[in-house]
């Protein structure tokens, strides 16, 4: 909801399985994940999404705020990690990742 208020098109998934189905059926510019999911964990989902859509970056927005959590996410393939409730950090990182992606697409 936060990102849709910033005029981003947003699709949501309530589980890792639903996210994988969406990723297989649609094109996305960015995945924003939480570490905690009802049927898996965000780290595993990040690895799976990176395998099936290697050109789409993943970032985390999670309540797990310690450095170890950020390191685990980066090791799983994420390009950024923002701890909740840093809404400005989330929006800034989404803008940054998408602008870098646009630059890479036009190069």
N, C-alpha and C. Protein backbone atom coordinates (compact mmCIF):
# COMPACT_ATOMS: atom_id res chain seq x y z
N UNK A 1 0.82 -1.19 0.00
CA UNK A 1 0.00 0.00 0.00
C UNK A 1 0.87 1.26 0.00
N UNK A 2 1.98 1.21 0.72
CA UNK A 2 2.86 2.38 0.77
C UNK A 2 3.38 2.75 -0.61
N UNK A 3 3.76 1.75 -1.36
CA UNK A 3 4.33 2.02 -2.69
C UNK A 3 3.27 2.41 -3.70
N UNK A 4 2.07 1.88 -3.57
CA UNK A 4 1.01 2.26 -4.51
C UNK A 4 0.62 3.72 -4.29
N UNK A 5 0.79 4.24 -3.08
CA UNK A 5 0.54 5.65 -2.82
C UNK A 5 1.58 6.53 -3.48
N UNK A 6 2.73 5.96 -3.83
CA UNK A 6 3.79 6.68 -4.52
C UNK A 6 3.68 6.52 -6.03
N UNK A 7 2.55 6.04 -6.50
CA UNK A 7 2.26 5.84 -7.93
C UNK A 7 3.04 4.70 -8.57
N UNK A 8 3.44 3.72 -7.77
CA UNK A 8 4.03 2.50 -8.33
C UNK A 8 2.91 1.49 -8.53
N UNK A 9 2.99 0.74 -9.60
CA UNK A 9 2.08 -0.38 -9.78
C UNK A 9 2.52 -1.50 -8.85
N UNK A 10 1.61 -2.01 -8.05
CA UNK A 10 1.97 -2.99 -7.03
C UNK A 10 1.06 -4.21 -7.13
N UNK A 11 1.68 -5.38 -7.12
CA UNK A 11 0.96 -6.64 -6.95
C UNK A 11 1.42 -7.22 -5.63
N UNK A 12 0.50 -7.82 -4.89
CA UNK A 12 0.88 -8.42 -3.61
C UNK A 12 0.64 -9.92 -3.64
N UNK A 13 1.45 -10.62 -2.88
CA UNK A 13 1.30 -12.06 -2.71
C UNK A 13 1.27 -12.33 -1.22
N UNK A 14 0.41 -13.21 -0.80
CA UNK A 14 0.27 -13.52 0.63
C UNK A 14 1.15 -14.68 1.06
N UNK A 15 1.84 -15.31 0.11
CA UNK A 15 2.69 -16.44 0.43
C UNK A 15 3.81 -16.55 -0.60
N UNK A 16 4.81 -17.33 -0.28
CA UNK A 16 5.91 -17.56 -1.22
C UNK A 16 5.38 -18.27 -2.47
N UNK A 17 4.50 -19.22 -2.27
CA UNK A 17 3.94 -19.96 -3.41
C UNK A 17 3.20 -19.02 -4.36
N UNK A 18 2.41 -18.12 -3.81
CA UNK A 18 1.69 -17.16 -4.64
C UNK A 18 2.67 -16.22 -5.35
N UNK A 19 3.72 -15.82 -4.67
CA UNK A 19 4.74 -14.95 -5.29
C UNK A 19 5.42 -15.65 -6.46
N UNK A 20 5.74 -16.91 -6.29
CA UNK A 20 6.39 -17.67 -7.37
C UNK A 20 5.45 -17.82 -8.57
N UNK A 21 4.18 -18.04 -8.31
CA UNK A 21 3.20 -18.14 -9.40
C UNK A 21 3.10 -16.81 -10.15
N UNK A 22 3.06 -15.71 -9.43
CA UNK A 22 3.00 -14.39 -10.07
C UNK A 22 4.26 -14.14 -10.90
N UNK A 23 5.41 -14.46 -10.34
CA UNK A 23 6.67 -14.24 -11.04
C UNK A 23 6.76 -15.06 -12.32
N UNK A 24 6.15 -16.22 -12.32
CA UNK A 24 6.17 -17.08 -13.51
C UNK A 24 5.19 -16.62 -14.59
N UNK A 25 4.19 -15.83 -14.19
CA UNK A 25 3.14 -15.47 -15.14
C UNK A 25 3.14 -14.00 -15.56
N UNK A 26 3.93 -13.16 -14.88
CA UNK A 26 3.97 -11.73 -15.19
C UNK A 26 5.40 -11.22 -15.15
N UNK A 27 5.61 -10.05 -15.73
CA UNK A 27 6.92 -9.42 -15.65
C UNK A 27 6.91 -8.34 -14.57
N UNK A 28 7.99 -8.29 -13.80
CA UNK A 28 8.12 -7.31 -12.72
C UNK A 28 9.45 -6.58 -12.85
N UNK A 29 9.50 -5.39 -12.27
CA UNK A 29 10.72 -4.60 -12.24
C UNK A 29 11.50 -4.80 -10.95
N UNK A 30 10.80 -5.19 -9.89
CA UNK A 30 11.40 -5.30 -8.57
C UNK A 30 10.51 -6.16 -7.69
N UNK A 31 11.15 -6.95 -6.83
CA UNK A 31 10.43 -7.69 -5.80
C UNK A 31 10.79 -7.08 -4.44
N UNK A 32 9.78 -6.77 -3.64
CA UNK A 32 10.00 -6.31 -2.27
C UNK A 32 9.47 -7.41 -1.36
N UNK A 33 10.37 -7.98 -0.57
CA UNK A 33 10.05 -9.16 0.23
C UNK A 33 10.17 -8.88 1.73
N UNK A 34 9.46 -9.68 2.50
CA UNK A 34 9.65 -9.72 3.94
C UNK A 34 10.42 -11.00 4.25
N UNK A 35 11.13 -11.01 5.36
CA UNK A 35 11.85 -12.24 5.72
C UNK A 35 10.91 -13.32 6.21
N UNK A 36 9.80 -12.92 6.78
CA UNK A 36 8.88 -13.90 7.38
C UNK A 36 7.64 -14.05 6.51
N UNK A 37 7.41 -15.28 6.06
CA UNK A 37 6.26 -15.59 5.22
C UNK A 37 5.53 -16.78 5.84
N UNK A 38 4.24 -16.92 5.56
CA UNK A 38 3.48 -18.01 6.19
C UNK A 38 3.91 -19.40 5.74
N UNK A 39 4.43 -19.53 4.53
CA UNK A 39 4.74 -20.86 4.01
C UNK A 39 6.22 -21.07 3.70
N UNK A 40 7.05 -20.10 3.98
CA UNK A 40 8.47 -20.20 3.68
C UNK A 40 9.16 -19.05 4.39
N UNK A 41 10.36 -18.73 3.96
CA UNK A 41 11.01 -17.53 4.46
C UNK A 41 11.46 -16.70 3.27
N UNK A 42 11.62 -15.42 3.49
CA UNK A 42 11.97 -14.51 2.41
C UNK A 42 13.31 -14.80 1.78
N UNK A 43 14.25 -15.34 2.55
CA UNK A 43 15.57 -15.65 2.01
C UNK A 43 15.47 -16.72 0.93
N UNK A 44 14.73 -17.77 1.23
CA UNK A 44 14.53 -18.84 0.25
C UNK A 44 13.78 -18.31 -0.96
N UNK A 45 12.76 -17.51 -0.72
CA UNK A 45 12.00 -16.93 -1.84
C UNK A 45 12.90 -16.05 -2.70
N UNK A 46 13.75 -15.25 -2.09
CA UNK A 46 14.67 -14.41 -2.84
C UNK A 46 15.55 -15.26 -3.75
N UNK A 47 16.09 -16.34 -3.23
CA UNK A 47 16.92 -17.24 -4.04
C UNK A 47 16.13 -17.84 -5.19
N UNK A 48 14.90 -18.25 -4.92
CA UNK A 48 14.06 -18.85 -5.96
C UNK A 48 13.71 -17.83 -7.04
N UNK A 49 13.34 -16.62 -6.63
CA UNK A 49 12.99 -15.58 -7.59
C UNK A 49 14.20 -15.20 -8.45
N UNK A 50 15.36 -15.16 -7.83
CA UNK A 50 16.59 -14.84 -8.56
C UNK A 50 16.90 -15.92 -9.59
N UNK A 51 16.59 -17.15 -9.26
CA UNK A 51 16.80 -18.25 -10.22
C UNK A 51 15.86 -18.14 -11.42
N UNK A 52 14.58 -17.88 -11.17
CA UNK A 52 13.61 -17.89 -12.28
C UNK A 52 13.55 -16.57 -13.04
N UNK A 53 13.92 -15.47 -12.38
CA UNK A 53 13.94 -14.16 -13.04
C UNK A 53 15.22 -13.43 -12.64
N UNK A 54 16.36 -13.84 -13.18
CA UNK A 54 17.65 -13.31 -12.72
C UNK A 54 17.85 -11.82 -12.96
N UNK A 55 17.10 -11.22 -13.84
CA UNK A 55 17.26 -9.79 -14.13
C UNK A 55 16.37 -8.89 -13.29
N UNK A 56 15.59 -9.48 -12.39
CA UNK A 56 14.69 -8.68 -11.54
C UNK A 56 15.28 -8.65 -10.13
N UNK A 57 15.62 -7.46 -9.65
CA UNK A 57 16.21 -7.37 -8.31
C UNK A 57 15.19 -7.62 -7.20
N UNK A 58 15.70 -8.11 -6.09
CA UNK A 58 14.91 -8.32 -4.87
C UNK A 58 15.44 -7.38 -3.80
N UNK A 59 14.54 -6.84 -3.01
CA UNK A 59 14.94 -6.11 -1.81
C UNK A 59 14.02 -6.52 -0.67
N UNK A 60 14.48 -6.29 0.54
CA UNK A 60 13.71 -6.66 1.72
C UNK A 60 13.22 -5.44 2.47
N UNK A 61 12.02 -5.55 2.99
CA UNK A 61 11.44 -4.59 3.93
C UNK A 61 10.92 -5.45 5.07
N UNK A 62 11.67 -5.50 6.16
CA UNK A 62 11.38 -6.49 7.19
C UNK A 62 11.54 -5.91 8.59
N UNK A 63 10.84 -6.51 9.53
CA UNK A 63 10.95 -6.14 10.93
C UNK A 63 12.21 -6.67 11.58
N UNK A 64 12.89 -7.60 10.94
CA UNK A 64 14.16 -8.11 11.47
C UNK A 64 15.24 -7.08 11.17
N UNK A 65 15.71 -6.38 12.21
CA UNK A 65 16.49 -5.17 12.00
C UNK A 65 17.98 -5.29 12.31
N UNK A 66 18.47 -6.46 12.63
CA UNK A 66 19.88 -6.59 12.97
C UNK A 66 20.75 -6.73 11.72
N UNK A 67 22.02 -6.41 11.87
CA UNK A 67 22.97 -6.50 10.75
C UNK A 67 23.02 -7.91 10.17
N UNK A 68 22.92 -8.91 11.01
CA UNK A 68 22.95 -10.29 10.51
C UNK A 68 21.81 -10.56 9.53
N UNK A 69 20.65 -9.96 9.79
CA UNK A 69 19.50 -10.15 8.90
C UNK A 69 19.77 -9.48 7.55
N UNK A 70 20.35 -8.29 7.58
CA UNK A 70 20.70 -7.60 6.34
C UNK A 70 21.73 -8.42 5.56
N UNK A 71 22.72 -8.93 6.24
CA UNK A 71 23.78 -9.73 5.59
C UNK A 71 23.18 -10.98 4.97
N UNK A 72 22.29 -11.67 5.68
CA UNK A 72 21.66 -12.87 5.14
C UNK A 72 20.88 -12.55 3.87
N UNK A 73 20.18 -11.43 3.87
CA UNK A 73 19.40 -11.04 2.69
C UNK A 73 20.31 -10.74 1.51
N UNK A 74 21.38 -10.01 1.74
CA UNK A 74 22.33 -9.70 0.67
C UNK A 74 22.96 -10.99 0.15
N UNK A 75 23.32 -11.89 1.05
CA UNK A 75 23.89 -13.18 0.65
C UNK A 75 22.91 -14.01 -0.17
N UNK A 76 21.60 -13.83 0.08
CA UNK A 76 20.57 -14.56 -0.66
C UNK A 76 20.31 -13.94 -2.03
N UNK A 77 20.90 -12.76 -2.28
CA UNK A 77 20.75 -12.14 -3.59
C UNK A 77 20.05 -10.79 -3.59
N UNK A 78 19.65 -10.29 -2.43
CA UNK A 78 18.95 -9.01 -2.38
C UNK A 78 19.92 -7.86 -2.66
N UNK A 79 19.37 -6.80 -3.26
CA UNK A 79 20.18 -5.61 -3.55
C UNK A 79 20.06 -4.57 -2.45
N UNK A 80 19.07 -4.70 -1.57
CA UNK A 80 18.88 -3.74 -0.48
C UNK A 80 18.09 -4.39 0.64
N UNK A 81 18.24 -3.83 1.84
CA UNK A 81 17.53 -4.32 3.01
C UNK A 81 17.14 -3.10 3.85
N UNK A 82 15.85 -2.92 4.07
CA UNK A 82 15.34 -1.80 4.86
C UNK A 82 14.55 -2.39 6.04
N UNK A 83 14.88 -1.92 7.23
CA UNK A 83 14.18 -2.40 8.42
C UNK A 83 12.91 -1.58 8.63
N UNK A 84 11.82 -2.29 8.95
CA UNK A 84 10.57 -1.61 9.28
C UNK A 84 10.75 -0.86 10.59
N UNK A 85 10.15 0.23 10.77
CA UNK A 85 9.13 0.91 9.96
C UNK A 85 9.69 2.07 9.14
N UNK A 86 10.90 1.96 8.62
CA UNK A 86 11.55 3.04 7.87
C UNK A 86 10.90 3.20 6.49
N UNK A 87 9.77 3.87 6.45
CA UNK A 87 9.02 4.04 5.20
C UNK A 87 9.81 4.87 4.19
N UNK A 88 10.43 5.95 4.65
CA UNK A 88 11.23 6.77 3.74
C UNK A 88 12.40 5.98 3.15
N UNK A 89 13.02 5.14 3.99
CA UNK A 89 14.11 4.28 3.51
C UNK A 89 13.62 3.31 2.44
N UNK A 90 12.43 2.77 2.65
CA UNK A 90 11.84 1.87 1.66
C UNK A 90 11.63 2.60 0.34
N UNK A 91 10.98 3.74 0.39
CA UNK A 91 10.68 4.49 -0.83
C UNK A 91 11.97 4.93 -1.52
N UNK A 92 12.93 5.42 -0.74
CA UNK A 92 14.20 5.85 -1.32
C UNK A 92 14.92 4.69 -2.01
N UNK A 93 14.93 3.52 -1.37
CA UNK A 93 15.60 2.37 -1.96
C UNK A 93 14.88 1.87 -3.20
N UNK A 94 13.56 1.88 -3.19
CA UNK A 94 12.80 1.48 -4.38
C UNK A 94 13.15 2.42 -5.53
N UNK A 95 13.13 3.72 -5.28
CA UNK A 95 13.49 4.69 -6.32
C UNK A 95 14.89 4.43 -6.86
N UNK A 96 15.83 4.22 -5.96
CA UNK A 96 17.22 4.00 -6.35
C UNK A 96 17.36 2.74 -7.21
N UNK A 97 16.80 1.65 -6.74
CA UNK A 97 16.91 0.38 -7.48
C UNK A 97 16.25 0.50 -8.85
N UNK A 98 15.08 1.10 -8.90
CA UNK A 98 14.38 1.23 -10.19
C UNK A 98 15.10 2.20 -11.12
N UNK A 99 15.69 3.26 -10.60
CA UNK A 99 16.42 4.19 -11.47
C UNK A 99 17.68 3.53 -12.01
N UNK A 100 18.36 2.74 -11.21
CA UNK A 100 19.53 2.00 -11.69
C UNK A 100 19.12 1.00 -12.75
N UNK A 101 17.98 0.39 -12.56
CA UNK A 101 17.48 -0.60 -13.51
C UNK A 101 17.14 0.08 -14.83
N UNK A 102 16.51 1.27 -14.78
CA UNK A 102 16.21 2.02 -15.99
C UNK A 102 17.47 2.37 -16.75
N UNK A 103 18.50 2.81 -16.03
CA UNK A 103 19.76 3.17 -16.65
C UNK A 103 20.39 1.96 -17.33
N UNK A 104 20.33 0.83 -16.68
CA UNK A 104 20.90 -0.39 -17.25
C UNK A 104 20.11 -0.82 -18.49
N UNK A 105 18.80 -0.63 -18.47
CA UNK A 105 17.97 -1.03 -19.61
C UNK A 105 18.21 -0.14 -20.81
N UNK A 106 18.58 1.12 -20.60
CA UNK A 106 18.80 2.03 -21.73
C UNK A 106 20.23 2.03 -22.21
N UNK A 107 21.13 1.41 -21.47
CA UNK A 107 22.55 1.40 -21.86
C UNK A 107 22.82 0.44 -23.00
